[in-house]
Amino acid sequence: CGDCGLKLWGITPARPYANRRLTKSQRTVNRTYGGSRCHACTRNRILRAFLVEEQKIVKQVLLEKQRAAKKEAKAQKKGGKK
């Protein structure tokens, strides 16, 4: 694995010349980051990406709430002077 250094299961160890002659199913694993990351690191990367996206969405929602509150306060201030 490129992140944690574990041996990748399902991949035949071979030198570059011999690796070219192997079938694709022997060279890689059928998942995201199949030939370079283990299952645990793949899971962590996907989870981290998901949490980053969720954090962006939450940040945007909070910003919209603050803008709405400011607008409402401004409207009440204007209406109160009449």
N, C-alpha and C. Protein backbone atom coordinates (compact mmCIF):
# COMPACT_ATOMS: atom_id res chain seq x y z
N CYS A 1 0.85 -1.19 0.00
CA CYS A 1 0.00 0.00 0.00
C CYS A 1 0.89 1.24 0.00
N GLY A 2 0.49 2.23 -0.75
CA GLY A 2 1.27 3.45 -0.82
C GLY A 2 1.18 4.31 0.43
N ASP A 3 0.11 4.16 1.20
CA ASP A 3 -0.06 4.97 2.41
C ASP A 3 0.53 4.29 3.64
N CYS A 4 0.13 3.04 3.88
CA CYS A 4 0.52 2.39 5.14
C CYS A 4 1.64 1.36 4.97
N GLY A 5 1.97 0.97 3.75
CA GLY A 5 3.09 0.06 3.52
C GLY A 5 2.74 -1.42 3.59
N LEU A 6 1.45 -1.77 3.71
CA LEU A 6 1.05 -3.17 3.76
C LEU A 6 1.15 -3.82 2.38
N LYS A 7 1.30 -5.16 2.38
CA LYS A 7 1.30 -5.92 1.14
C LYS A 7 -0.13 -5.93 0.61
N LEU A 8 -0.28 -5.68 -0.68
CA LEU A 8 -1.61 -5.66 -1.29
C LEU A 8 -2.05 -7.07 -1.64
N TRP A 9 -3.17 -7.50 -1.09
CA TRP A 9 -3.70 -8.82 -1.37
C TRP A 9 -4.34 -8.85 -2.75
N GLY A 10 -4.15 -9.97 -3.45
CA GLY A 10 -4.76 -10.16 -4.76
C GLY A 10 -3.91 -9.67 -5.91
N ILE A 11 -2.72 -9.14 -5.61
CA ILE A 11 -1.84 -8.65 -6.66
C ILE A 11 -0.59 -9.53 -6.68
N THR A 12 -0.26 -10.09 -7.83
CA THR A 12 0.89 -10.96 -7.97
C THR A 12 2.17 -10.11 -7.97
N PRO A 13 3.09 -10.40 -7.07
CA PRO A 13 4.34 -9.64 -7.08
C PRO A 13 5.21 -10.06 -8.27
N ALA A 14 5.68 -9.11 -9.04
CA ALA A 14 6.50 -9.41 -10.21
C ALA A 14 7.34 -8.20 -10.58
N ARG A 15 8.43 -8.47 -11.27
CA ARG A 15 9.28 -7.40 -11.79
C ARG A 15 8.57 -6.77 -12.99
N PRO A 16 8.94 -5.56 -13.37
CA PRO A 16 8.22 -4.86 -14.45
C PRO A 16 8.06 -5.66 -15.74
N TYR A 17 9.10 -6.34 -16.18
CA TYR A 17 9.00 -7.09 -17.43
C TYR A 17 7.99 -8.23 -17.29
N ALA A 18 8.06 -8.95 -16.19
CA ALA A 18 7.13 -10.05 -15.95
C ALA A 18 5.72 -9.51 -15.69
N ASN A 19 5.64 -8.35 -15.10
CA ASN A 19 4.35 -7.73 -14.78
C ASN A 19 3.56 -7.41 -16.05
N ARG A 20 4.26 -7.04 -17.11
CA ARG A 20 3.59 -6.73 -18.38
C ARG A 20 2.91 -7.96 -18.98
N ARG A 21 3.48 -9.14 -18.73
CA ARG A 21 2.93 -10.37 -19.29
C ARG A 21 1.79 -10.95 -18.46
N LEU A 22 1.56 -10.42 -17.26
CA LEU A 22 0.46 -10.90 -16.43
C LEU A 22 -0.87 -10.38 -16.96
N THR A 23 -1.94 -11.11 -16.66
CA THR A 23 -3.27 -10.62 -17.04
C THR A 23 -3.65 -9.46 -16.15
N LYS A 24 -4.60 -8.66 -16.59
CA LYS A 24 -5.01 -7.47 -15.84
C LYS A 24 -5.56 -7.85 -14.46
N SER A 25 -6.24 -9.00 -14.38
CA SER A 25 -6.80 -9.43 -13.10
C SER A 25 -5.72 -9.79 -12.09
N GLN A 26 -4.53 -10.12 -12.56
CA GLN A 26 -3.42 -10.43 -11.65
C GLN A 26 -2.64 -9.18 -11.26
N ARG A 27 -2.80 -8.11 -12.03
CA ARG A 27 -2.04 -6.89 -11.76
C ARG A 27 -2.77 -5.90 -10.87
N THR A 28 -4.10 -6.02 -10.77
CA THR A 28 -4.86 -5.01 -10.05
C THR A 28 -6.02 -5.65 -9.30
N VAL A 29 -6.65 -4.84 -8.46
CA VAL A 29 -7.84 -5.27 -7.72
C VAL A 29 -8.98 -4.38 -8.20
N ASN A 30 -10.17 -4.94 -8.35
CA ASN A 30 -11.29 -4.22 -8.93
C ASN A 30 -11.99 -3.33 -7.90
N ARG A 31 -11.38 -2.22 -7.56
CA ARG A 31 -11.99 -1.19 -6.72
C ARG A 31 -11.21 0.11 -6.91
N THR A 32 -11.72 1.17 -6.34
CA THR A 32 -11.03 2.45 -6.42
C THR A 32 -9.65 2.32 -5.79
N TYR A 33 -8.64 2.93 -6.38
CA TYR A 33 -7.24 2.81 -5.93
C TYR A 33 -6.80 1.35 -5.89
N GLY A 34 -7.32 0.51 -6.79
CA GLY A 34 -7.11 -0.94 -6.74
C GLY A 34 -5.68 -1.40 -6.71
N GLY A 35 -4.81 -0.84 -7.50
CA GLY A 35 -3.44 -1.35 -7.56
C GLY A 35 -2.47 -0.65 -6.65
N SER A 36 -2.92 0.36 -5.89
CA SER A 36 -1.96 1.12 -5.11
C SER A 36 -2.31 1.28 -3.63
N ARG A 37 -3.58 1.10 -3.25
CA ARG A 37 -3.98 1.30 -1.86
C ARG A 37 -4.70 0.06 -1.33
N CYS A 38 -4.52 -0.23 -0.04
CA CYS A 38 -5.22 -1.36 0.58
C CYS A 38 -6.67 -0.95 0.89
N HIS A 39 -7.46 -1.91 1.31
CA HIS A 39 -8.88 -1.65 1.56
C HIS A 39 -9.10 -0.62 2.66
N ALA A 40 -8.29 -0.66 3.71
CA ALA A 40 -8.47 0.26 4.83
C ALA A 40 -8.14 1.70 4.42
N CYS A 41 -7.06 1.87 3.68
CA CYS A 41 -6.68 3.22 3.23
C CYS A 41 -7.69 3.76 2.21
N THR A 42 -8.22 2.88 1.36
CA THR A 42 -9.25 3.29 0.40
C THR A 42 -10.48 3.77 1.16
N ARG A 43 -10.89 3.02 2.18
CA ARG A 43 -12.05 3.40 2.99
C ARG A 43 -11.81 4.75 3.67
N ASN A 44 -10.63 4.94 4.23
CA ASN A 44 -10.31 6.20 4.91
C ASN A 44 -10.33 7.38 3.94
N ARG A 45 -9.81 7.19 2.74
CA ARG A 45 -9.80 8.28 1.75
C ARG A 45 -11.21 8.66 1.33
N ILE A 46 -12.04 7.65 1.08
CA ILE A 46 -13.42 7.92 0.67
C ILE A 46 -14.17 8.61 1.80
N LEU A 47 -14.00 8.13 3.03
CA LEU A 47 -14.65 8.72 4.19
C LEU A 47 -14.20 10.16 4.40
N ARG A 48 -12.90 10.40 4.28
CA ARG A 48 -12.37 11.75 4.46
C ARG A 48 -12.94 12.71 3.42
N ALA A 49 -13.01 12.25 2.16
CA ALA A 49 -13.56 13.09 1.09
C ALA A 49 -15.02 13.41 1.35
N PHE A 50 -15.78 12.42 1.82
CA PHE A 50 -17.19 12.62 2.13
C PHE A 50 -17.35 13.63 3.26
N LEU A 51 -16.55 13.50 4.32
CA LEU A 51 -16.66 14.41 5.45
C LEU A 51 -16.27 15.84 5.08
N VAL A 52 -15.29 15.99 4.21
CA VAL A 52 -14.90 17.33 3.75
C VAL A 52 -16.06 17.97 3.00
N GLU A 53 -16.72 17.20 2.12
CA GLU A 53 -17.87 17.73 1.38
C GLU A 53 -19.01 18.09 2.33
N GLU A 54 -19.27 17.25 3.32
CA GLU A 54 -20.33 17.54 4.30
C GLU A 54 -20.01 18.81 5.06
N GLN A 55 -18.75 18.99 5.42
CA GLN A 55 -18.34 20.17 6.15
C GLN A 55 -18.56 21.44 5.32
N LYS A 56 -18.28 21.37 4.02
CA LYS A 56 -18.52 22.51 3.13
C LYS A 56 -20.00 22.86 3.09
N ILE A 57 -20.86 21.84 3.01
CA ILE A 57 -22.30 22.05 2.95
C ILE A 57 -22.80 22.69 4.24
N VAL A 58 -22.34 22.18 5.39
CA VAL A 58 -22.76 22.73 6.69
C VAL A 58 -22.31 24.19 6.80
N LYS A 59 -21.10 24.47 6.37
CA LYS A 59 -20.59 25.84 6.42
C LYS A 59 -21.46 26.78 5.58
N GLN A 60 -21.87 26.30 4.39
CA GLN A 60 -22.69 27.11 3.51
C GLN A 60 -24.07 27.34 4.12
N VAL A 61 -24.66 26.33 4.74
CA VAL A 61 -25.98 26.46 5.36
C VAL A 61 -25.92 27.46 6.51
N LEU A 62 -24.88 27.38 7.33
CA LEU A 62 -24.74 28.33 8.45
C LEU A 62 -24.58 29.75 7.94
N LEU A 63 -23.83 29.92 6.87
CA LEU A 63 -23.64 31.25 6.29
C LEU A 63 -24.96 31.81 5.78
N GLU A 64 -25.76 30.96 5.14
CA GLU A 64 -27.07 31.41 4.65
C GLU A 64 -27.99 31.79 5.81
N LYS A 65 -27.94 31.05 6.91
CA LYS A 65 -28.76 31.38 8.09
C LYS A 65 -28.35 32.73 8.67
N GLN A 66 -27.04 32.96 8.73
CA GLN A 66 -26.56 34.25 9.24
C GLN A 66 -27.02 35.39 8.35
N ARG A 67 -26.95 35.21 7.04
CA ARG A 67 -27.39 36.25 6.11
C ARG A 67 -28.88 36.52 6.28
N ALA A 68 -29.67 35.46 6.44
CA ALA A 68 -31.11 35.61 6.62
C ALA A 68 -31.42 36.34 7.91
N ALA A 69 -30.68 36.03 8.97
CA ALA A 69 -30.89 36.69 10.26
C ALA A 69 -30.55 38.18 10.17
N LYS A 70 -29.46 38.49 9.47
CA LYS A 70 -29.08 39.90 9.29
C LYS A 70 -30.14 40.65 8.50
N LYS A 71 -30.65 40.02 7.44
CA LYS A 71 -31.68 40.64 6.62
C LYS A 71 -32.94 40.90 7.44
N GLU A 72 -33.31 39.91 8.24
CA GLU A 72 -34.51 40.03 9.08
C GLU A 72 -34.35 41.12 10.12
N ALA A 73 -33.18 41.21 10.73
CA ALA A 73 -32.92 42.25 11.73
C ALA A 73 -32.95 43.63 11.07
N LYS A 74 -32.42 43.72 9.87
CA LYS A 74 -32.42 44.99 9.15
C LYS A 74 -33.86 45.42 8.81
N ALA A 75 -34.70 44.44 8.40
CA ALA A 75 -36.08 44.72 8.06
C ALA A 75 -36.87 45.16 9.30
N GLN A 76 -36.63 44.54 10.43
CA GLN A 76 -37.31 44.91 11.67
C GLN A 76 -36.88 46.32 12.12
N LYS A 77 -35.62 46.62 11.92
CA LYS A 77 -35.10 47.94 12.31
C LYS A 77 -35.76 49.04 11.46
N LYS A 78 -35.89 48.78 10.14
CA LYS A 78 -36.52 49.73 9.24
C LYS A 78 -38.01 49.88 9.58
N GLY A 79 -38.68 48.80 9.82
CA GLY A 79 -40.11 48.81 10.11
C GLY A 79 -40.42 49.47 11.44
N GLY A 80 -39.53 49.39 12.41
CA GLY A 80 -39.75 49.95 13.74
C GLY A 80 -39.71 51.47 13.77
N LYS A 81 -39.04 52.12 12.84
CA LYS A 81 -38.93 53.59 12.82
C LYS A 81 -40.20 54.26 12.35
N LYS A 82 -41.03 53.58 11.59
CA LYS A 82 -42.24 54.19 11.03
C LYS A 82 -43.24 54.53 12.05
